């Protein structure tokens, strides 16, 4: 079968022929419907080497940690699945028996350092192929919802959802404000999720006018980049600042913007892995402001994200590529030329 493989450090992924995998005990073989292309994949094949990066991400392996598909074959001991049914795959694969994994939070597995891989598509062969093997425990049913468009929900939907859910106490009640910084795939879904599960007024900011138009169409007030950005954001709140900020970029400039925009006793969550830093001092930020980070989310939360998708409350904007064009999807991602989340669909 065809597969887009990360085969060597500092090199783009390549399309190759590999054997079709077979599911082992407790696993399910999916015929891939869609696999999302993510910026974290780009970091894997452009930034990491033998000296830098998690040891579990050494090449070679098939990319694709946002994957959906149809059940094709069951491994030994697996029951409760019907061939042809559509599922979304929860990517993280922890040890399965520590406290974090027992609550479905494999992202924070206590034994991650001893695991051979981090996730389906991150160390373990992923969904940029015609078929992929996934632990049965990691499958979330999609029902009759479109599985191709659903693929990005496994990360681009789950990651902001987890961050937003952690911040819900700050958004309870009337008169609250949420700021989304960065309106790529995750940011656009963050705007939709905040609108779907809270009553907060949403403010969104980005340097791309088209991205801001899209956020505005989903109910956000928008502020463009510029020297007066923080002042304009605070003005929309009557001067007091926003209750919660979600920074989907994570570079130093966006973290600083977040801290300038947040209200007294507010919360800033850095979601984007931009490796930025912030210099804190007691008088430099409003009192009792929380600055935190999150990473991906839980299996249970992915079920909730799918519920929102099936109800029509959220919908990823995707740009489809056939498997033969998977390398092009990453080229366009790196060049900033995508209009939505790139989804590679072998059936396209």
C-alpha atoms as a PDB file:
ATOM      1  CA  UNK A   1       0.000   0.000   0.000  1.00  0.00           C
ATOM      2  CA  UNK A   2       1.025   3.673  -0.355  1.00  0.00           C
ATOM      3  CA  UNK A   3       2.284   5.479   2.744  1.00  0.00           C
ATOM      4  CA  UNK A   4       3.747   8.928   3.448  1.00  0.00           C
ATOM      5  CA  UNK A   5       6.815   8.200   5.561  1.00  0.00           C
ATOM      6  CA  UNK A   6       9.161  10.250   7.698  1.00  0.00           C
ATOM      7  CA  UNK A   7      12.341   8.395   6.756  1.00  0.00           C
ATOM      8  CA  UNK A   8      15.227  10.641   7.799  1.00  0.00           C
ATOM      9  CA  UNK A   9      15.864  13.738   9.900  1.00  0.00           C
ATOM     10  CA  UNK A  10      15.930  17.173   8.239  1.00  0.00           C
ATOM     11  CA  UNK A  11      14.209  15.755   5.160  1.00  0.00           C
ATOM     12  CA  UNK A  12      10.646  16.030   3.853  1.00  0.00           C
ATOM     13  CA  UNK A  13       8.440  12.939   4.050  1.00  0.00           C
ATOM     14  CA  UNK A  14       8.329  10.632   1.042  1.00  0.00           C
ATOM     15  CA  UNK A  15       5.592   8.548  -0.544  1.00  0.00           C
ATOM     16  CA  UNK A  16       6.604   4.874  -0.616  1.00  0.00           C
ATOM     17  CA  UNK A  17       5.107   1.408  -0.934  1.00  0.00           C
ATOM     18  CA  UNK A  18       4.863  -0.629   2.291  1.00  0.00           C
ATOM     19  CA  UNK A  19       3.091  -3.802   3.334  1.00  0.00           C
ATOM     20  CA  UNK A  20      -0.492  -3.454   4.489  1.00  0.00           C
ATOM     21  CA  UNK A  21      -0.494  -3.844   8.286  1.00  0.00           C
ATOM     22  CA  UNK A  22      -2.445  -6.451  10.206  1.00  0.00           C
ATOM     23  CA  UNK A  23      -4.140  -5.730  13.540  1.00  0.00           C
ATOM     24  CA  UNK A  24      -2.731  -7.454  16.590  1.00  0.00           C
ATOM     25  CA  UNK A  25      -4.617  -8.381  19.767  1.00  0.00           C
ATOM     26  CA  UNK A  26      -6.781  -5.491  20.936  1.00  0.00           C
ATOM     27  CA  UNK A  27      -6.293  -3.580  17.681  1.00  0.00           C
ATOM     28  CA  UNK A  28      -8.429  -2.599  14.689  1.00  0.00           C
ATOM     29  CA  UNK A  29      -7.388  -2.073  11.079  1.00  0.00           C
ATOM     30  CA  UNK A  30      -8.985   1.037   9.567  1.00  0.00           C
ATOM     31  CA  UNK A  31      -9.334   1.839   5.909  1.00  0.00           C
ATOM     32  CA  UNK A  32      -8.264   5.477   6.090  1.00  0.00           C
ATOM     33  CA  UNK A  33     -10.876   8.099   5.252  1.00  0.00           C
ATOM     34  CA  UNK A  34      -8.778  11.138   6.076  1.00  0.00           C
ATOM     35  CA  UNK A  35      -5.578  12.208   7.815  1.00  0.00           C
ATOM     36  CA  UNK A  36      -4.843  15.794   8.804  1.00  0.00           C
ATOM     37  CA  UNK A  37      -1.495  17.484   8.183  1.00  0.00           C
ATOM     38  CA  UNK A  38      -0.300  19.310  11.316  1.00  0.00           C
ATOM     39  CA  UNK A  39       2.483  21.817  12.032  1.00  0.00           C
ATOM     40  CA  UNK A  40       3.852  19.448  14.693  1.00  0.00           C
ATOM     41  CA  UNK A  41       4.591  16.980  11.884  1.00  0.00           C
ATOM     42  CA  UNK A  42       6.665  19.692  10.216  1.00  0.00           C
ATOM     43  CA  UNK A  43       8.659  20.147  13.411  1.00  0.00           C
ATOM     44  CA  UNK A  44       9.375  16.406  13.442  1.00  0.00           C
ATOM     45  CA  UNK A  45      10.953  16.294   9.991  1.00  0.00           C
ATOM     46  CA  UNK A  46      12.542  19.773   9.940  1.00  0.00           C
ATOM     47  CA  UNK A  47      13.781  20.431  13.487  1.00  0.00           C
ATOM     48  CA  UNK A  48      14.526  17.121  15.196  1.00  0.00           C
ATOM     49  CA  UNK A  49      17.692  15.056  14.963  1.00  0.00           C
ATOM     50  CA  UNK A  50      19.555  12.451  17.025  1.00  0.00           C
ATOM     51  CA  UNK A  51      20.467  15.100  19.597  1.00  0.00           C
ATOM     52  CA  UNK A  52      17.197  17.069  19.744  1.00  0.00           C
ATOM     53  CA  UNK A  53      13.662  15.784  20.070  1.00  0.00           C
ATOM     54  CA  UNK A  54      11.887  12.878  21.786  1.00  0.00           C
ATOM     55  CA  UNK A  55      13.594   9.540  21.303  1.00  0.00           C
ATOM     56  CA  UNK A  56      10.209   8.002  20.443  1.00  0.00           C
ATOM     57  CA  UNK A  57      10.080  10.038  17.231  1.00  0.00           C
ATOM     58  CA  UNK A  58      13.105   8.558  15.516  1.00  0.00           C
ATOM     59  CA  UNK A  59      12.462   7.655  11.866  1.00  0.00           C
ATOM     60  CA  UNK A  60      11.147   5.790  10.057  1.00  0.00           C
ATOM     61  CA  UNK A  61       7.370   5.864  10.557  1.00  0.00           C
ATOM     62  CA  UNK A  62       4.212   6.874   8.703  1.00  0.00           C
ATOM     63  CA  UNK A  63       2.923  10.359   9.520  1.00  0.00           C
ATOM     64  CA  UNK A  64      -0.682  11.247  10.358  1.00  0.00           C
ATOM     65  CA  UNK A  65      -1.851  11.710  13.961  1.00  0.00           C
ATOM     66  CA  UNK A  66      -5.281  13.114  12.989  1.00  0.00           C
ATOM     67  CA  UNK A  67      -6.963  10.086  11.455  1.00  0.00           C
ATOM     68  CA  UNK A  68     -10.427   8.812  10.636  1.00  0.00           C
ATOM     69  CA  UNK A  69     -11.477   5.680   8.819  1.00  0.00           C
ATOM     70  CA  UNK A  70     -13.755   2.718   8.344  1.00  0.00           C
ATOM     71  CA  UNK A  71     -13.353  -0.591  10.180  1.00  0.00           C
ATOM     72  CA  UNK A  72     -11.710  -3.125   7.883  1.00  0.00           C
ATOM     73  CA  UNK A  73     -10.465  -5.923  10.152  1.00  0.00           C
ATOM     74  CA  UNK A  74     -10.471  -6.800  13.857  1.00  0.00           C
ATOM     75  CA  UNK A  75      -7.546  -8.133  15.838  1.00  0.00           C
ATOM     76  CA  UNK A  76      -7.756 -11.007  18.291  1.00  0.00           C
ATOM     77  CA  UNK A  77     -10.076 -10.394  21.228  1.00  0.00           C
ATOM     78  CA  UNK A  78     -11.757  -7.310  19.705  1.00  0.00           C
ATOM     79  CA  UNK A  79     -15.552  -7.237  19.661  1.00  0.00           C
ATOM     80  CA  UNK A  80     -18.240  -4.579  19.287  1.00  0.00           C
ATOM     81  CA  UNK A  81     -17.130  -3.188  15.914  1.00  0.00           C
ATOM     82  CA  UNK A  82     -18.766  -3.717  12.525  1.00  0.00           C
ATOM     83  CA  UNK A  83     -16.864  -3.643   9.248  1.00  0.00           C
ATOM     84  CA  UNK A  84     -17.538  -0.406   7.388  1.00  0.00           C
ATOM     85  CA  UNK A  85     -18.444   1.691  10.423  1.00  0.00           C
ATOM     86  CA  UNK A  86     -16.685   5.057  10.661  1.00  0.00           C
ATOM     87  CA  UNK A  87     -14.438   6.049  13.578  1.00  0.00           C
ATOM     88  CA  UNK A  88     -12.112   8.828  14.625  1.00  0.00           C
ATOM     89  CA  UNK A  89      -8.807   7.727  16.134  1.00  0.00           C
ATOM     90  CA  UNK A  90      -7.542   9.172  19.416  1.00  0.00           C
ATOM     91  CA  UNK A  91      -3.848   9.517  18.650  1.00  0.00           C
ATOM     92  CA  UNK A  92      -2.004   9.420  22.012  1.00  0.00           C
ATOM     93  CA  UNK A  93      -0.941   5.945  23.111  1.00  0.00           C
ATOM     94  CA  UNK A  94       0.279   5.741  26.679  1.00  0.00           C
ATOM     95  CA  UNK A  95       1.061   2.687  28.763  1.00  0.00           C
ATOM     96  CA  UNK A  96      -2.644   2.140  29.428  1.00  0.00           C
ATOM     97  CA  UNK A  97      -2.312   1.360  33.138  1.00  0.00           C
ATOM     98  CA  UNK A  98      -0.964   4.438  34.969  1.00  0.00           C
ATOM     99  CA  UNK A  99      -3.261   6.955  36.659  1.00  0.00           C
ATOM    100  CA  UNK A 100      -3.238   9.359  33.711  1.00  0.00           C
ATOM    101  CA  UNK A 101      -3.997   6.659  31.155  1.00  0.00           C
ATOM    102  CA  UNK A 102      -6.734   5.200  33.349  1.00  0.00           C
ATOM    103  CA  UNK A 103      -8.608   8.498  33.094  1.00  0.00           C
ATOM    104  CA  UNK A 104      -8.092   8.577  29.312  1.00  0.00           C
ATOM    105  CA  UNK A 105      -5.309  11.158  29.395  1.00  0.00           C
ATOM    106  CA  UNK A 106      -2.586   9.260  27.576  1.00  0.00           C
ATOM    107  CA  UNK A 107      -0.946  12.605  26.723  1.00  0.00           C
ATOM    108  CA  UNK A 108       0.295  12.779  30.318  1.00  0.00           C
ATOM    109  CA  UNK A 109       1.223   9.102  30.665  1.00  0.00           C
ATOM    110  CA  UNK A 110       3.434   8.626  33.720  1.00  0.00           C
ATOM    111  CA  UNK A 111       5.507   6.069  31.807  1.00  0.00           C
ATOM    112  CA  UNK A 112       5.884   8.065  28.592  1.00  0.00           C
ATOM    113  CA  UNK A 113       9.686   7.977  28.813  1.00  0.00           C
ATOM    114  CA  UNK A 114       9.659   4.184  28.511  1.00  0.00           C
ATOM    115  CA  UNK A 115       7.120   3.998  25.682  1.00  0.00           C
ATOM    116  CA  UNK A 116       8.385   3.154  22.168  1.00  0.00           C
ATOM    117  CA  UNK A 117       6.218   5.875  20.582  1.00  0.00           C
ATOM    118  CA  UNK A 118       4.054   8.843  21.575  1.00  0.00           C
ATOM    119  CA  UNK A 119       0.983   8.447  19.386  1.00  0.00           C
ATOM    120  CA  UNK A 120      -0.467   6.953  16.243  1.00  0.00           C
ATOM    121  CA  UNK A 121       1.417   9.035  13.675  1.00  0.00           C
ATOM    122  CA  UNK A 122       4.060  10.165  16.166  1.00  0.00           C
ATOM    123  CA  UNK A 123       6.524   7.305  16.394  1.00  0.00           C
ATOM    124  CA  UNK A 124       3.917   4.655  15.593  1.00  0.00           C
ATOM    125  CA  UNK A 125       2.683   4.350  11.995  1.00  0.00           C
ATOM    126  CA  UNK A 126      -0.132   6.837  11.394  1.00  0.00           C
ATOM    127  CA  UNK A 127      -2.912   7.619   8.982  1.00  0.00           C
ATOM    128  CA  UNK A 128      -1.077   9.038   5.942  1.00  0.00           C
ATOM    129  CA  UNK A 129      -1.602   5.698   4.241  1.00  0.00           C
ATOM    130  CA  UNK A 130      -4.309   3.530   2.774  1.00  0.00           C
ATOM    131  CA  UNK A 131      -4.685   1.597   6.038  1.00  0.00           C
ATOM    132  CA  UNK A 132      -3.713   2.131   9.671  1.00  0.00           C
ATOM    133  CA  UNK A 133      -3.790  -0.012  12.803  1.00  0.00           C
ATOM    134  CA  UNK A 134      -5.242   1.627  15.928  1.00  0.00           C
ATOM    135  CA  UNK A 135      -5.862   0.274  19.462  1.00  0.00           C
ATOM    136  CA  UNK A 136      -9.566  -0.524  19.744  1.00  0.00           C
ATOM    137  CA  UNK A 137      -9.723   1.560  22.946  1.00  0.00           C
ATOM    138  CA  UNK A 138      -8.714   4.651  20.930  1.00  0.00           C
ATOM    139  CA  UNK A 139     -11.637   4.613  18.498  1.00  0.00           C
ATOM    140  CA  UNK A 140     -14.482   7.138  18.790  1.00  0.00           C
ATOM    141  CA  UNK A 141     -17.624   6.402  16.715  1.00  0.00           C
ATOM    142  CA  UNK A 142     -18.652   8.946  14.077  1.00  0.00           C
ATOM    143  CA  UNK A 143     -22.017   7.449  13.202  1.00  0.00           C
ATOM    144  CA  UNK A 144     -23.255   8.856   9.898  1.00  0.00           C
ATOM    145  CA  UNK A 145     -21.117  12.011  10.106  1.00  0.00           C
ATOM    146  CA  UNK A 146     -18.596  12.644   7.318  1.00  0.00           C
ATOM    147  CA  UNK A 147     -15.374  10.913   8.426  1.00  0.00           C
ATOM    148  CA  UNK A 148     -13.128  12.712   5.922  1.00  0.00           C
ATOM    149  CA  UNK A 149     -13.883  16.198   7.251  1.00  0.00           C
ATOM    150  CA  UNK A 150     -13.805  14.843  10.810  1.00  0.00           C
ATOM    151  CA  UNK A 151     -10.117  13.856  10.707  1.00  0.00           C
ATOM    152  CA  UNK A 152      -8.723  17.171  12.090  1.00  0.00           C
ATOM    153  CA  UNK A 153     -10.952  16.910  15.141  1.00  0.00           C
ATOM    154  CA  UNK A 154      -8.520  14.344  16.579  1.00  0.00           C
ATOM    155  CA  UNK A 155      -6.014  17.138  17.290  1.00  0.00           C
ATOM    156  CA  UNK A 156      -7.104  20.506  15.863  1.00  0.00           C
ATOM    157  CA  UNK A 157     -10.470  20.036  17.570  1.00  0.00           C
ATOM    158  CA  UNK A 158      -9.454  18.150  20.706  1.00  0.00           C
ATOM    159  CA  UNK A 159      -6.512  20.371  21.642  1.00  0.00           C
ATOM    160  CA  UNK A 160      -8.444  23.666  21.907  1.00  0.00           C
ATOM    161  CA  UNK A 161     -11.451  21.858  23.376  1.00  0.00           C
ATOM    162  CA  UNK A 162      -9.359  20.572  26.272  1.00  0.00           C
ATOM    163  CA  UNK A 163      -7.900  24.033  26.905  1.00  0.00           C
ATOM    164  CA  UNK A 164     -11.339  25.662  26.775  1.00  0.00           C
ATOM    165  CA  UNK A 165     -12.897  23.058  29.048  1.00  0.00           C
ATOM    166  CA  UNK A 166     -10.134  23.605  31.630  1.00  0.00           C
ATOM    167  CA  UNK A 167     -10.994  27.323  31.593  1.00  0.00           C
ATOM    168  CA  UNK A 168     -14.784  27.029  31.882  1.00  0.00           C
ATOM    169  CA  UNK A 169     -14.948  28.293  35.502  1.00  0.00           C
ATOM    170  CA  UNK A 170     -13.552  31.627  34.290  1.00  0.00           C
ATOM    171  CA  UNK A 171     -16.190  31.821  31.537  1.00  0.00           C
ATOM    172  CA  UNK A 172     -19.239  30.975  33.650  1.00  0.00           C
ATOM    173  CA  UNK A 173     -21.990  33.560  34.003  1.00  0.00           C
ATOM    174  CA  UNK A 174     -22.803  36.615  31.940  1.00  0.00           C
ATOM    175  CA  UNK A 175     -20.480  39.346  30.731  1.00  0.00           C
ATOM    176  CA  UNK A 176     -17.380  37.191  30.177  1.00  0.00           C
ATOM    177  CA  UNK A 177     -14.843  37.575  27.374  1.00  0.00           C
ATOM    178  CA  UNK A 178     -12.565  35.048  25.667  1.00  0.00           C
ATOM    179  CA  UNK A 179      -9.681  35.976  23.386  1.00  0.00           C
ATOM    180  CA  UNK A 180      -8.322  33.639  20.687  1.00  0.00           C
ATOM    181  CA  UNK A 181      -4.860  34.531  19.369  1.00  0.00           C
ATOM    182  CA  UNK A 182      -3.984  32.814  16.086  1.00  0.00           C
ATOM    183  CA  UNK A 183      -6.683  31.770  13.645  1.00  0.00           C
ATOM    184  CA  UNK A 184      -5.252  28.758  11.868  1.00  0.00           C
ATOM    185  CA  UNK A 185      -6.948  25.368  12.030  1.00  0.00           C
ATOM    186  CA  UNK A 186      -6.942  25.175  15.842  1.00  0.00           C
ATOM    187  CA  UNK A 187      -7.901  28.813  16.310  1.00  0.00           C
ATOM    188  CA  UNK A 188     -10.901  28.612  13.988  1.00  0.00           C
ATOM    189  CA  UNK A 189     -12.188  25.567  15.841  1.00  0.00           C
ATOM    190  CA  UNK A 190     -11.499  27.287  19.182  1.00  0.00           C
ATOM    191  CA  UNK A 191     -13.803  30.137  18.129  1.00  0.00           C
ATOM    192  CA  UNK A 192     -16.525  27.645  17.209  1.00  0.00           C
ATOM    193  CA  UNK A 193     -16.128  25.625  20.415  1.00  0.00           C
ATOM    194  CA  UNK A 194     -16.248  28.685  22.688  1.00  0.00           C
ATOM    195  CA  UNK A 195     -19.420  29.769  20.917  1.00  0.00           C
ATOM    196  CA  UNK A 196     -20.941  26.301  21.230  1.00  0.00           C
ATOM    197  CA  UNK A 197     -20.300  25.621  24.931  1.00  0.00           C
ATOM    198  CA  UNK A 198     -20.116  29.057  26.609  1.00  0.00           C
ATOM    199  CA  UNK A 199     -21.938  32.370  26.584  1.00  0.00           C
ATOM    200  CA  UNK A 200     -18.725  34.381  26.408  1.00  0.00           C
ATOM    201  CA  UNK A 201     -18.157  37.206  23.960  1.00  0.00           C
ATOM    202  CA  UNK A 202     -15.376  36.012  21.651  1.00  0.00           C
ATOM    203  CA  UNK A 203     -12.571  38.259  20.478  1.00  0.00           C
ATOM    204  CA  UNK A 204     -10.197  36.905  17.842  1.00  0.00           C
ATOM    205  CA  UNK A 205      -6.966  38.266  16.416  1.00  0.00           C
ATOM    206  CA  UNK A 206      -4.585  37.342  13.621  1.00  0.00           C
ATOM    207  CA  UNK A 207      -2.449  39.009  10.961  1.00  0.00           C
ATOM    208  CA  UNK A 208      -4.424  37.357   8.142  1.00  0.00           C
ATOM    209  CA  UNK A 209      -7.580  39.300   7.130  1.00  0.00           C
ATOM    210  CA  UNK A 210      -9.151  36.211   5.536  1.00  0.00           C
ATOM    211  CA  UNK A 211      -8.725  34.226   8.736  1.00  0.00           C
ATOM    212  CA  UNK A 212     -10.335  37.026  10.725  1.00  0.00           C
ATOM    213  CA  UNK A 213     -13.260  37.164   8.293  1.00  0.00           C
ATOM    214  CA  UNK A 214     -13.799  33.462   8.869  1.00  0.00           C
ATOM    215  CA  UNK A 215     -13.721  33.937  12.655  1.00  0.00           C
ATOM    216  CA  UNK A 216     -16.141  36.848  12.388  1.00  0.00           C
ATOM    217  CA  UNK A 217     -18.535  34.650  10.407  1.00  0.00           C
ATOM    218  CA  UNK A 218     -18.539  32.326  13.434  1.00  0.00           C
ATOM    219  CA  UNK A 219     -19.462  35.112  15.838  1.00  0.00           C
ATOM    220  CA  UNK A 220     -16.131  36.618  16.911  1.00  0.00           C
ATOM    221  CA  UNK A 221     -15.239  40.271  17.240  1.00  0.00           C
ATOM    222  CA  UNK A 222     -11.930  40.712  15.439  1.00  0.00           C
ATOM    223  CA  UNK A 223      -8.864  42.861  16.061  1.00  0.00           C
ATOM    224  CA  UNK A 224      -6.024  43.034  13.550  1.00  0.00           C
ATOM    225  CA  UNK A 225      -2.345  42.872  14.432  1.00  0.00           C
ATOM    226  CA  UNK A 226      -0.553  46.124  15.146  1.00  0.00           C
ATOM    227  CA  UNK A 227       1.016  48.320  17.836  1.00  0.00           C
ATOM    228  CA  UNK A 228      -2.372  49.142  19.421  1.00  0.00           C
ATOM    229  CA  UNK A 229      -3.571  45.536  19.436  1.00  0.00           C
ATOM    230  CA  UNK A 230      -3.796  45.063  23.218  1.00  0.00           C
ATOM    231  CA  UNK A 231      -5.454  48.463  23.721  1.00  0.00           C
ATOM    232  CA  UNK A 232      -8.070  47.660  21.062  1.00  0.00           C
ATOM    233  CA  UNK A 233      -8.787  44.304  22.661  1.00  0.00           C
ATOM    234  CA  UNK A 234      -9.190  45.846  26.113  1.00  0.00           C
ATOM    235  CA  UNK A 235     -11.440  48.566  24.650  1.00  0.00           C
ATOM    236  CA  UNK A 236     -13.887  45.867  23.482  1.00  0.00           C
ATOM    237  CA  UNK A 237     -14.193  44.738  27.113  1.00  0.00           C
ATOM    238  CA  UNK A 238     -14.812  48.242  28.470  1.00  0.00           C
ATOM    239  CA  UNK A 239     -11.193  48.481  29.526  1.00  0.00           C
ATOM    240  CA  UNK A 240     -11.066  45.661  32.065  1.00  0.00           C
ATOM    241  CA  UNK A 241      -9.519  43.004  29.824  1.00  0.00           C
ATOM    242  CA  UNK A 242     -10.558  39.494  28.814  1.00  0.00           C
ATOM    243  CA  UNK A 243     -11.326  36.756  31.312  1.00  0.00           C
ATOM    244  CA  UNK A 244      -9.563  33.995  29.377  1.00  0.00           C
ATOM    245  CA  UNK A 245      -6.957  34.027  26.612  1.00  0.00           C
ATOM    246  CA  UNK A 246      -6.149  31.072  24.370  1.00  0.00           C
ATOM    247  CA  UNK A 247      -2.823  31.587  22.605  1.00  0.00           C
ATOM    248  CA  UNK A 248      -2.780  29.184  19.673  1.00  0.00           C
ATOM    249  CA  UNK A 249       0.653  30.427  18.538  1.00  0.00           C
ATOM    250  CA  UNK A 250       2.872  30.404  21.617  1.00  0.00           C
ATOM    251  CA  UNK A 251       5.716  32.681  20.514  1.00  0.00           C
ATOM    252  CA  UNK A 252       7.046  35.372  22.831  1.00  0.00           C
ATOM    253  CA  UNK A 253       5.106  38.181  21.131  1.00  0.00           C
ATOM    254  CA  UNK A 254       1.744  36.409  21.405  1.00  0.00           C
ATOM    255  CA  UNK A 255       2.293  35.447  25.050  1.00  0.00           C
ATOM    256  CA  UNK A 256       3.117  39.082  25.790  1.00  0.00           C
ATOM    257  CA  UNK A 257      -0.058  40.171  23.967  1.00  0.00           C
ATOM    258  CA  UNK A 258      -2.059  37.696  26.026  1.00  0.00           C
ATOM    259  CA  UNK A 259      -0.660  39.024  29.302  1.00  0.00           C
ATOM    260  CA  UNK A 260      -1.358  42.619  28.240  1.00  0.00           C
ATOM    261  CA  UNK A 261      -4.939  41.761  27.321  1.00  0.00           C
ATOM    262  CA  UNK A 262      -5.994  39.624  30.299  1.00  0.00           C
ATOM    263  CA  UNK A 263      -8.184  40.920  33.111  1.00  0.00           C
ATOM    264  CA  UNK A 264      -7.611  40.884  36.847  1.00  0.00           C
ATOM    265  CA  UNK A 265      -7.854  37.244  38.049  1.00  0.00           C
ATOM    266  CA  UNK A 266      -7.956  36.073  34.443  1.00  0.00           C
ATOM    267  CA  UNK A 267      -6.382  33.030  32.839  1.00  0.00           C
ATOM    268  CA  UNK A 268      -3.950  32.701  29.921  1.00  0.00           C
ATOM    269  CA  UNK A 269      -3.518  29.290  28.308  1.00  0.00           C
ATOM    270  CA  UNK A 270      -0.653  28.803  25.866  1.00  0.00           C
ATOM    271  CA  UNK A 271      -1.737  26.085  23.442  1.00  0.00           C
ATOM    272  CA  UNK A 272       0.576  26.692  20.485  1.00  0.00           C
ATOM    273  CA  UNK A 273       4.013  25.132  20.749  1.00  0.00           C
ATOM    274  CA  UNK A 274       5.927  28.187  19.553  1.00  0.00           C
ATOM    275  CA  UNK A 275       8.564  27.879  22.285  1.00  0.00           C
ATOM    276  CA  UNK A 276       8.093  31.491  23.357  1.00  0.00           C
ATOM    277  CA  UNK A 277       8.987  32.921  26.756  1.00  0.00           C
ATOM    278  CA  UNK A 278       7.610  35.598  29.067  1.00  0.00           C
ATOM    279  CA  UNK A 279       9.382  37.582  31.769  1.00  0.00           C
ATOM    280  CA  UNK A 280       7.102  37.869  34.820  1.00  0.00           C
ATOM    281  CA  UNK A 281       7.288  40.365  37.608  1.00  0.00           C
ATOM    282  CA  UNK A 282       4.850  41.117  40.398  1.00  0.00           C
ATOM    283  CA  UNK A 283       3.771  44.520  39.101  1.00  0.00           C
ATOM    284  CA  UNK A 284       3.843  43.641  35.409  1.00  0.00           C
ATOM    285  CA  UNK A 285       0.553  41.744  35.182  1.00  0.00           C
ATOM    286  CA  UNK A 286      -2.880  42.044  36.844  1.00  0.00           C
ATOM    287  CA  UNK A 287      -3.184  40.326  40.206  1.00  0.00           C
ATOM    288  CA  UNK A 288      -4.047  36.612  40.392  1.00  0.00           C
ATOM    289  CA  UNK A 289      -3.625  35.998  36.669  1.00  0.00           C
ATOM    290  CA  UNK A 290      -2.983  32.349  35.804  1.00  0.00           C
ATOM    291  CA  UNK A 291      -0.468  31.528  33.062  1.00  0.00           C
ATOM    292  CA  UNK A 292      -0.623  27.887  32.055  1.00  0.00           C
ATOM    293  CA  UNK A 293      -0.260  25.460  29.155  1.00  0.00           C
ATOM    294  CA  UNK A 294      -2.061  22.377  27.912  1.00  0.00           C
ATOM    295  CA  UNK A 295      -1.272  19.527  25.543  1.00  0.00           C
ATOM    296  CA  UNK A 296      -3.816  17.636  23.447  1.00  0.00           C
ATOM    297  CA  UNK A 297      -6.707  16.171  25.523  1.00  0.00           C
ATOM    298  CA  UNK A 298      -8.439  13.028  26.796  1.00  0.00           C
ATOM    299  CA  UNK A 299     -10.295  10.227  25.048  1.00  0.00           C
ATOM    300  CA  UNK A 300     -13.475  11.245  26.860  1.00  0.00           C
ATOM    301  CA  UNK A 301     -13.109  14.805  25.573  1.00  0.00           C
ATOM    302  CA  UNK A 302     -12.706  13.526  22.011  1.00  0.00           C
ATOM    303  CA  UNK A 303     -16.095  11.836  22.384  1.00  0.00           C
ATOM    304  CA  UNK A 304     -17.487  15.235  23.387  1.00  0.00           C
ATOM    305  CA  UNK A 305     -15.833  16.945  20.409  1.00  0.00           C
ATOM    306  CA  UNK A 306     -17.403  14.375  18.090  1.00  0.00           C
ATOM    307  CA  UNK A 307     -20.784  15.013  19.732  1.00  0.00           C
ATOM    308  CA  UNK A 308     -20.449  18.709  18.830  1.00  0.00           C
ATOM    309  CA  UNK A 309     -19.454  17.777  15.272  1.00  0.00           C
ATOM    310  CA  UNK A 310     -22.342  15.369  14.821  1.00  0.00           C
ATOM    311  CA  UNK A 311     -24.739  18.014  16.147  1.00  0.00           C
ATOM    312  CA  UNK A 312     -23.469  20.526  13.592  1.00  0.00           C
ATOM    313  CA  UNK A 313     -22.128  22.862  16.280  1.00  0.00           C
ATOM    314  CA  UNK A 314     -18.550  22.791  14.937  1.00  0.00           C
ATOM    315  CA  UNK A 315     -17.169  22.059  11.476  1.00  0.00           C
ATOM    316  CA  UNK A 316     -13.507  22.031  10.442  1.00  0.00           C
ATOM    317  CA  UNK A 317     -12.732  23.810   7.204  1.00  0.00           C
ATOM    318  CA  UNK A 318     -10.621  21.377   5.216  1.00  0.00           C
ATOM    319  CA  UNK A 319      -8.646  21.395   1.986  1.00  0.00           C
ATOM    320  CA  UNK A 320      -8.564  17.894   0.508  1.00  0.00           C
ATOM    321  CA  UNK A 321      -5.575  16.159  -1.086  1.00  0.00           C
ATOM    322  CA  UNK A 322      -5.272  12.681  -2.528  1.00  0.00           C
ATOM    323  CA  UNK A 323      -2.624  10.384  -1.083  1.00  0.00           C
ATOM    324  CA  UNK A 324      -0.418  10.944  -4.140  1.00  0.00           C
ATOM    325  CA  UNK A 325      -0.475  14.661  -3.322  1.00  0.00           C
ATOM    326  CA  UNK A 326       0.337  14.224   0.396  1.00  0.00           C
ATOM    327  CA  UNK A 327       3.844  15.720  -0.028  1.00  0.00           C
ATOM    328  CA  UNK A 328       2.228  18.763  -1.660  1.00  0.00           C
ATOM    329  CA  UNK A 329      -0.084  19.164   1.339  1.00  0.00           C
ATOM    330  CA  UNK A 330       2.938  19.588   3.605  1.00  0.00           C
ATOM    331  CA  UNK A 331       4.654  21.913   1.126  1.00  0.00           C
ATOM    332  CA  UNK A 332       1.590  24.172   1.105  1.00  0.00           C
ATOM    333  CA  UNK A 333       1.334  23.962   4.896  1.00  0.00           C
ATOM    334  CA  UNK A 334       4.938  25.084   5.306  1.00  0.00           C
ATOM    335  CA  UNK A 335       4.468  27.883   2.767  1.00  0.00           C
ATOM    336  CA  UNK A 336       1.313  29.189   4.464  1.00  0.00           C
ATOM    337  CA  UNK A 337      -0.731  28.599   1.324  1.00  0.00           C
ATOM    338  CA  UNK A 338      -3.611  26.557   2.754  1.00  0.00           C
ATOM    339  CA  UNK A 339      -7.156  27.870   3.009  1.00  0.00           C
ATOM    340  CA  UNK A 340      -8.145  25.265   5.610  1.00  0.00           C
ATOM    341  CA  UNK A 341      -6.773  22.239   7.413  1.00  0.00           C
ATOM    342  CA  UNK A 342      -5.038  19.967   4.886  1.00  0.00           C
ATOM    343  CA  UNK A 343      -6.635  16.518   4.924  1.00  0.00           C
ATOM    344  CA  UNK A 344      -5.122  13.677   2.925  1.00  0.00           C
ATOM    345  CA  UNK A 345      -7.800  11.251   1.754  1.00  0.00           C
ATOM    346  CA  UNK A 346      -6.680   8.024   0.042  1.00  0.00           C
ATOM    347  CA  UNK A 347     -10.216   7.556  -1.321  1.00  0.00           C
ATOM    348  CA  UNK A 348     -10.284  10.966  -3.007  1.00  0.00           C
END
